[in-house]
C-alpha atoms as a PDB file:
ATOM      1  CA  MET A   1     382.959 186.713   9.740  1.00  0.00           C
ATOM      2  CA  LEU A   2     381.634 187.223   6.142  1.00  0.00           C
ATOM      3  CA  PRO A   3     381.377 184.181   3.962  1.00  0.00           C
ATOM      4  CA  GLY A   4     384.382 183.868   1.792  1.00  0.00           C
ATOM      5  CA  PRO A   5     384.895 182.386  -1.855  1.00  0.00           C
ATOM      6  CA  GLY A   6     386.380 179.300  -0.162  1.00  0.00           C
ATOM      7  CA  ASP A   7     382.981 178.691   1.855  1.00  0.00           C
ATOM      8  CA  THR A   8     381.167 175.621   0.933  1.00  0.00           C
ATOM      9  CA  GLU A   9     377.214 175.660   0.685  1.00  0.00           C
ATOM     10  CA  ALA A  10     377.204 173.185   3.703  1.00  0.00           C
ATOM     11  CA  SER A  11     379.553 175.351   5.546  1.00  0.00           C
ATOM     12  CA  LEU A  12     377.295 178.416   4.707  1.00  0.00           C
ATOM     13  CA  VAL A  13     374.256 176.471   5.823  1.00  0.00           C
ATOM     14  CA  ALA A  14     375.778 175.357   9.167  1.00  0.00           C
ATOM     15  CA  ARG A  15     376.393 179.115   9.830  1.00  0.00           C
ATOM     16  CA  LEU A  16     373.022 180.301   9.034  1.00  0.00           C
ATOM     17  CA  GLN A  17     371.784 177.600  11.092  1.00  0.00           C
ATOM     18  CA  ALA A  18     373.809 178.739  13.995  1.00  0.00           C
ATOM     19  CA  GLY A  19     372.401 182.388  13.646  1.00  0.00           C
ATOM     20  CA  ASP A  20     375.186 183.928  12.131  1.00  0.00           C
ATOM     21  CA  GLU A  21     374.013 187.463  10.847  1.00  0.00           C
ATOM     22  CA  ASP A  22     376.699 187.936   8.374  1.00  0.00           C
ATOM     23  CA  ALA A  23     376.236 184.727   6.723  1.00  0.00           C
ATOM     24  CA  PHE A  24     372.312 185.729   6.515  1.00  0.00           C
ATOM     25  CA  ALA A  25     372.914 189.031   5.229  1.00  0.00           C
ATOM     26  CA  ALA A  26     375.474 187.576   2.410  1.00  0.00           C
ATOM     27  CA  VAL A  27     372.541 185.190   1.458  1.00  0.00           C
ATOM     28  CA  VAL A  28     370.167 188.092   1.126  1.00  0.00           C
ATOM     29  CA  ARG A  29     372.593 190.150  -1.012  1.00  0.00           C
ATOM     30  CA  ALA A  30     373.194 187.279  -3.247  1.00  0.00           C
ATOM     31  CA  HIS A  31     369.587 186.232  -3.753  1.00  0.00           C
ATOM     32  CA  HIS A  32     367.043 188.807  -2.826  1.00  0.00           C
ATOM     33  CA  ASN A  33     366.660 190.475  -6.598  1.00  0.00           C
ATOM     34  CA  GLN A  34     366.593 186.919  -8.013  1.00  0.00           C
ATOM     35  CA  MET A  35     363.606 185.935  -5.422  1.00  0.00           C
ATOM     36  CA  ILE A  36     361.873 189.224  -6.420  1.00  0.00           C
ATOM     37  CA  GLU A  37     361.956 188.297 -10.220  1.00  0.00           C
ATOM     38  CA  VAL A  38     360.696 184.928  -9.141  1.00  0.00           C
ATOM     39  CA  ALA A  39     357.798 186.418  -6.918  1.00  0.00           C
ATOM     40  CA  ARG A  40     356.974 188.618  -9.660  1.00  0.00           C
ATOM     41  CA  THR A  41     356.028 186.065 -12.024  1.00  0.00           C
ATOM     42  CA  PHE A  42     353.105 185.252  -9.602  1.00  0.00           C
ATOM     43  CA  VAL A  43     351.727 188.455  -8.547  1.00  0.00           C
ATOM     44  CA  ASP A  44     350.664 191.548 -10.035  1.00  0.00           C
ATOM     45  CA  SER A  45     352.934 194.166  -9.175  1.00  0.00           C
ATOM     46  CA  ARG A  46     356.639 194.675  -7.795  1.00  0.00           C
ATOM     47  CA  ASP A  47     355.404 196.018  -4.658  1.00  0.00           C
ATOM     48  CA  VAL A  48     353.461 192.940  -4.070  1.00  0.00           C
ATOM     49  CA  ALA A  49     356.431 190.843  -4.814  1.00  0.00           C
ATOM     50  CA  GLU A  50     358.733 192.609  -2.567  1.00  0.00           C
ATOM     51  CA  GLU A  51     356.290 192.047   0.396  1.00  0.00           C
ATOM     52  CA  VAL A  52     356.317 188.351  -0.731  1.00  0.00           C
ATOM     53  CA  VAL A  53     359.968 188.286  -0.464  1.00  0.00           C
ATOM     54  CA  GLN A  54     360.096 189.999   3.010  1.00  0.00           C
ATOM     55  CA  ASP A  55     357.728 187.328   4.242  1.00  0.00           C
ATOM     56  CA  ALA A  56     359.871 184.591   2.438  1.00  0.00           C
ATOM     57  CA  TRP A  57     363.126 185.831   4.279  1.00  0.00           C
ATOM     58  CA  LEU A  58     360.968 185.456   7.804  1.00  0.00           C
ATOM     59  CA  GLY A  59     360.163 182.029   6.599  1.00  0.00           C
ATOM     60  CA  VAL A  60     363.950 181.334   5.917  1.00  0.00           C
ATOM     61  CA  VAL A  61     364.825 182.569   9.272  1.00  0.00           C
ATOM     62  CA  ARG A  62     362.343 180.199  11.050  1.00  0.00           C
ATOM     63  CA  GLY A  63     363.046 177.229   8.857  1.00  0.00           C
ATOM     64  CA  ILE A  64     366.525 177.276   8.120  1.00  0.00           C
ATOM     65  CA  GLU A  65     367.148 174.636  11.129  1.00  0.00           C
ATOM     66  CA  ARG A  66     364.781 172.246   8.982  1.00  0.00           C
ATOM     67  CA  PHE A  67     366.942 172.486   5.907  1.00  0.00           C
ATOM     68  CA  ALA A  68     368.332 169.292   5.011  1.00  0.00           C
ATOM     69  CA  GLY A  69     370.383 169.771   1.854  1.00  0.00           C
ATOM     70  CA  GLN A  70     368.202 167.887  -0.256  1.00  0.00           C
ATOM     71  CA  SER A  71     368.105 170.667  -2.788  1.00  0.00           C
ATOM     72  CA  SER A  72     370.662 173.645  -3.308  1.00  0.00           C
ATOM     73  CA  LEU A  73     370.139 176.501  -1.002  1.00  0.00           C
ATOM     74  CA  ARG A  74     368.972 178.657  -3.828  1.00  0.00           C
ATOM     75  CA  THR A  75     366.184 176.154  -5.073  1.00  0.00           C
ATOM     76  CA  TRP A  76     365.059 175.996  -1.335  1.00  0.00           C
ATOM     77  CA  LEU A  77     364.729 179.723  -1.262  1.00  0.00           C
ATOM     78  CA  PHE A  78     362.732 179.745  -4.579  1.00  0.00           C
ATOM     79  CA  ARG A  79     360.597 177.061  -3.310  1.00  0.00           C
ATOM     80  CA  ILE A  80     359.676 179.500  -0.248  1.00  0.00           C
ATOM     81  CA  VAL A  81     359.209 182.289  -2.395  1.00  0.00           C
ATOM     82  CA  ILE A  82     356.852 180.344  -4.829  1.00  0.00           C
ATOM     83  CA  ASN A  83     354.731 179.032  -2.002  1.00  0.00           C
ATOM     84  CA  ARG A  84     354.130 182.573  -0.474  1.00  0.00           C
ATOM     85  CA  ALA A  85     353.690 184.350  -3.839  1.00  0.00           C
ATOM     86  CA  ARG A  86     351.080 181.562  -4.875  1.00  0.00           C
ATOM     87  CA  SER A  87     349.217 182.181  -1.829  1.00  0.00           C
ATOM     88  CA  THR A  88     349.234 185.729  -2.474  1.00  0.00           C
ATOM     89  CA  GLY A  89     348.570 185.839  -6.077  1.00  0.00           C
ATOM     90  CA  ALA A  90     345.373 183.771  -5.365  1.00  0.00           C
ATOM     91  CA  ARG A  91     344.063 186.418  -2.964  1.00  0.00           C
ATOM     92  CA  GLU A  92     345.176 189.426  -5.058  1.00  0.00           C
ATOM     93  CA  ARG A  93     344.948 188.458  -8.722  1.00  0.00           C
ATOM     94  CA  ARG A  94     342.005 189.940 -10.462  1.00  0.00           C
ATOM     95  CA  GLN A  95     339.687 187.742 -12.358  1.00  0.00           C
ATOM     96  CA  ALA A  96     340.548 188.087 -16.043  1.00  0.00           C
ATOM     97  CA  PRO A  97     338.237 186.740 -18.806  1.00  0.00           C
ATOM     98  CA  ASN A  98     339.309 183.207 -19.943  1.00  0.00           C
ATOM     99  CA  PRO A  99     340.778 183.203 -23.148  1.00  0.00           C
ATOM    100  CA  GLY A 100     339.982 179.600 -23.877  1.00  0.00           C
ATOM    101  CA  ARG A 101     342.516 176.691 -24.350  1.00  0.00           C
ATOM    102  CA  GLU A 102     345.638 177.495 -26.367  1.00  0.00           C
ATOM    103  CA  PRO A 103     345.767 175.578 -29.586  1.00  0.00           C
ATOM    104  CA  ALA A 104     347.560 172.125 -28.980  1.00  0.00           C
ATOM    105  CA  GLU A 105     351.029 171.710 -30.419  1.00  0.00           C
ATOM    106  CA  ASP A 106     351.439 169.723 -33.510  1.00  0.00           C
ATOM    107  CA  ALA A 107     352.190 166.161 -32.381  1.00  0.00           C
ATOM    108  CA  SER A 108     354.831 165.719 -35.202  1.00  0.00           C
ATOM    109  CA  ARG A 109     357.014 168.169 -33.071  1.00  0.00           C
ATOM    110  CA  PHE A 110     357.457 165.399 -30.454  1.00  0.00           C
ATOM    111  CA  THR A 111     359.404 162.012 -30.303  1.00  0.00           C
ATOM    112  CA  ALA A 112     357.825 158.889 -29.046  1.00  0.00           C
ATOM    113  CA  ASP A 113     358.992 159.610 -25.393  1.00  0.00           C
ATOM    114  CA  GLY A 114     357.720 163.297 -25.484  1.00  0.00           C
ATOM    115  CA  ALA A 115     360.894 165.166 -26.218  1.00  0.00           C
ATOM    116  CA  TRP A 116     360.909 168.104 -29.060  1.00  0.00           C
ATOM    117  CA  THR A 117     362.094 166.442 -32.301  1.00  0.00           C
ATOM    118  CA  TYR A 118     363.783 169.820 -33.156  1.00  0.00           C
ATOM    119  CA  PRO A 119     364.284 171.732 -29.907  1.00  0.00           C
ATOM    120  CA  LEU A 120     363.676 175.470 -30.170  1.00  0.00           C
ATOM    121  CA  PRO A 121     367.010 177.453 -29.377  1.00  0.00           C
ATOM    122  CA  HIS A 122     367.265 179.466 -26.242  1.00  0.00           C
ATOM    123  CA  TRP A 123     366.029 182.963 -27.155  1.00  0.00           C
ATOM    124  CA  SER A 124     369.402 184.623 -26.293  1.00  0.00           C
ATOM    125  CA  GLU A 125     370.780 182.729 -29.454  1.00  0.00           C
ATOM    126  CA  GLN A 126     368.981 184.642 -31.614  1.00  0.00           C
ATOM    127  CA  VAL A 127     370.646 188.036 -30.658  1.00  0.00           C
ATOM    128  CA  ASP A 128     373.912 188.384 -32.775  1.00  0.00           C
ATOM    129  CA  ASP A 129     376.116 190.706 -30.742  1.00  0.00           C
ATOM    130  CA  ARG A 130     376.244 192.430 -27.360  1.00  0.00           C
ATOM    131  CA  LEU A 131     375.016 195.824 -28.620  1.00  0.00           C
ATOM    132  CA  THR A 132     371.905 194.565 -30.338  1.00  0.00           C
ATOM    133  CA  ALA A 133     371.561 192.410 -26.951  1.00  0.00           C
ATOM    134  CA  GLU A 134     371.468 195.625 -24.943  1.00  0.00           C
ATOM    135  CA  ALA A 135     369.166 197.420 -27.453  1.00  0.00           C
ATOM    136  CA  LEU A 136     366.865 194.422 -27.112  1.00  0.00           C
ATOM    137  CA  THR A 137     366.782 194.153 -23.427  1.00  0.00           C
ATOM    138  CA  SER A 138     363.805 196.350 -22.759  1.00  0.00           C
ATOM    139  CA  ALA A 139     361.635 194.667 -25.436  1.00  0.00           C
ATOM    140  CA  ILE A 140     362.770 191.155 -23.920  1.00  0.00           C
ATOM    141  CA  HIS A 141     361.618 191.885 -20.252  1.00  0.00           C
ATOM    142  CA  ASP A 142     358.337 193.258 -21.769  1.00  0.00           C
ATOM    143  CA  ALA A 143     357.931 190.127 -23.638  1.00  0.00           C
ATOM    144  CA  ILE A 144     358.542 187.975 -20.785  1.00  0.00           C
ATOM    145  CA  ALA A 145     356.037 190.108 -18.812  1.00  0.00           C
ATOM    146  CA  ALA A 146     353.330 189.831 -21.108  1.00  0.00           C
ATOM    147  CA  LEU A 147     353.502 185.851 -21.289  1.00  0.00           C
ATOM    148  CA  PRO A 148     350.902 184.023 -19.692  1.00  0.00           C
ATOM    149  CA  ALA A 149     351.551 183.330 -16.057  1.00  0.00           C
ATOM    150  CA  ALA A 150     352.618 179.727 -16.487  1.00  0.00           C
ATOM    151  CA  GLN A 151     355.016 180.194 -19.076  1.00  0.00           C
ATOM    152  CA  ARG A 152     356.486 183.352 -17.587  1.00  0.00           C
ATOM    153  CA  GLN A 153     357.246 181.308 -14.503  1.00  0.00           C
ATOM    154  CA  VAL A 154     358.885 178.590 -16.487  1.00  0.00           C
ATOM    155  CA  VAL A 155     360.748 180.986 -18.647  1.00  0.00           C
ATOM    156  CA  VAL A 156     362.187 183.022 -15.826  1.00  0.00           C
ATOM    157  CA  LEU A 157     363.230 179.880 -13.676  1.00  0.00           C
ATOM    158  CA  ARG A 158     364.772 178.456 -16.782  1.00  0.00           C
ATOM    159  CA  ASP A 159     366.307 180.954 -19.136  1.00  0.00           C
ATOM    160  CA  VAL A 160     366.782 183.925 -16.182  1.00  0.00           C
ATOM    161  CA  GLN A 161     367.625 181.808 -13.049  1.00  0.00           C
ATOM    162  CA  GLY A 162     369.204 179.102 -14.968  1.00  0.00           C
ATOM    163  CA  LEU A 163     367.508 176.146 -13.214  1.00  0.00           C
ATOM    164  CA  SER A 164     367.095 172.805 -14.723  1.00  0.00           C
ATOM    165  CA  ALA A 165     364.146 171.225 -15.987  1.00  0.00           C
ATOM    166  CA  ARG A 166     363.883 168.911 -12.891  1.00  0.00           C
ATOM    167  CA  GLU A 167     364.288 171.645 -10.519  1.00  0.00           C
ATOM    168  CA  VAL A 168     361.330 173.646 -12.342  1.00  0.00           C
ATOM    169  CA  CYS A 169     359.273 170.604 -12.404  1.00  0.00           C
ATOM    170  CA  ASP A 170     359.588 170.224  -8.685  1.00  0.00           C
ATOM    171  CA  LEU A 171     359.195 173.725  -7.883  1.00  0.00           C
ATOM    172  CA  LEU A 172     356.028 174.502  -9.894  1.00  0.00           C
ATOM    173  CA  GLY A 173     354.413 170.901  -9.685  1.00  0.00           C
ATOM    174  CA  LEU A 174     354.703 170.225 -13.449  1.00  0.00           C
ATOM    175  CA  SER A 175     355.289 166.942 -15.240  1.00  0.00           C
ATOM    176  CA  ASP A 176     358.308 167.189 -17.501  1.00  0.00           C
ATOM    177  CA  SER A 177     356.235 167.296 -20.877  1.00  0.00           C
ATOM    178  CA  ASN A 178     354.240 170.308 -19.427  1.00  0.00           C
ATOM    179  CA  GLN A 179     357.360 172.180 -18.536  1.00  0.00           C
ATOM    180  CA  ARG A 180     358.869 171.672 -21.997  1.00  0.00           C
ATOM    181  CA  VAL A 181     355.643 172.915 -23.637  1.00  0.00           C
ATOM    182  CA  LEU A 182     355.285 175.934 -21.580  1.00  0.00           C
ATOM    183  CA  LEU A 183     359.057 176.540 -21.942  1.00  0.00           C
ATOM    184  CA  HIS A 184     358.616 176.390 -25.906  1.00  0.00           C
ATOM    185  CA  ARG A 185     355.800 178.614 -26.003  1.00  0.00           C
ATOM    186  CA  GLY A 186     357.382 181.340 -23.968  1.00  0.00           C
ATOM    187  CA  ARG A 187     360.621 181.154 -26.117  1.00  0.00           C
ATOM    188  CA  VAL A 188     358.544 181.272 -29.554  1.00  0.00           C
ATOM    189  CA  ALA A 189     356.869 184.541 -28.115  1.00  0.00           C
ATOM    190  CA  ILE A 190     360.062 186.222 -26.945  1.00  0.00           C
ATOM    191  CA  ARG A 191     361.640 184.894 -30.371  1.00  0.00           C
ATOM    192  CA  ARG A 192     358.888 186.770 -32.110  1.00  0.00           C
ATOM    193  CA  THR A 193     359.545 189.908 -30.098  1.00  0.00           C
ATOM    194  CA  ILE A 194     363.241 189.615 -30.826  1.00  0.00           C
ATOM    195  CA  GLU A 195     362.642 189.259 -34.944  1.00  0.00           C
ATOM    196  CA  GLY A 196     360.074 191.985 -34.767  1.00  0.00           C
ATOM    197  CA  GLN A 197     362.274 194.339 -33.229  1.00  0.00           C
ATOM    198  CA  ALA A 198     365.205 193.431 -35.647  1.00  0.00           C
ATOM    199  CA  GLY A 199     362.798 193.804 -38.357  1.00  0.00           C
ATOM    200  CA  ARG A 200     362.486 197.612 -37.308  1.00  0.00           C
ATOM    201  CA  ASP A 201     365.949 198.262 -37.001  1.00  0.00           C
END
């Protein structure tokens, strides 16, 4: 029996834990491409990302009985992918010259508790209409791909996959303030791309 719109996550997990192949196939269809996008932020090529995800699915099959529902199923899948992608990326990443530390953010941008005084809008809010958005899609993908790895990982998880700040901090082992800084810097870079593209139109 295929999962239906009335299935809860708990019932879907129960079916996965019972070895239901239809449920597993449905989960693969729902999350495989997202998992590749996440893996791609850690490794150098899509081919390697696909290998990471295939390995992650094996980990899912072996580990689904231990899934306790302390996070959503999707977050748990991402955690498995990230762990495997980190290991693969560490082995295969080419050594790049260290560009040095990025300049620190101006302290006046933060409140006393570390939040942004004036949060930067999500980059998608800079796009005026659907046609413009479609024209910018390629440039935005390129801008995301060009981000430093840590910024790219946070932007993809927050802005592409829609995870919460807390989920991203848990998955990547970041403090909340580090997560905010990485997200801010990534959004700034993407916004500059959007503004540059608009200036050429």
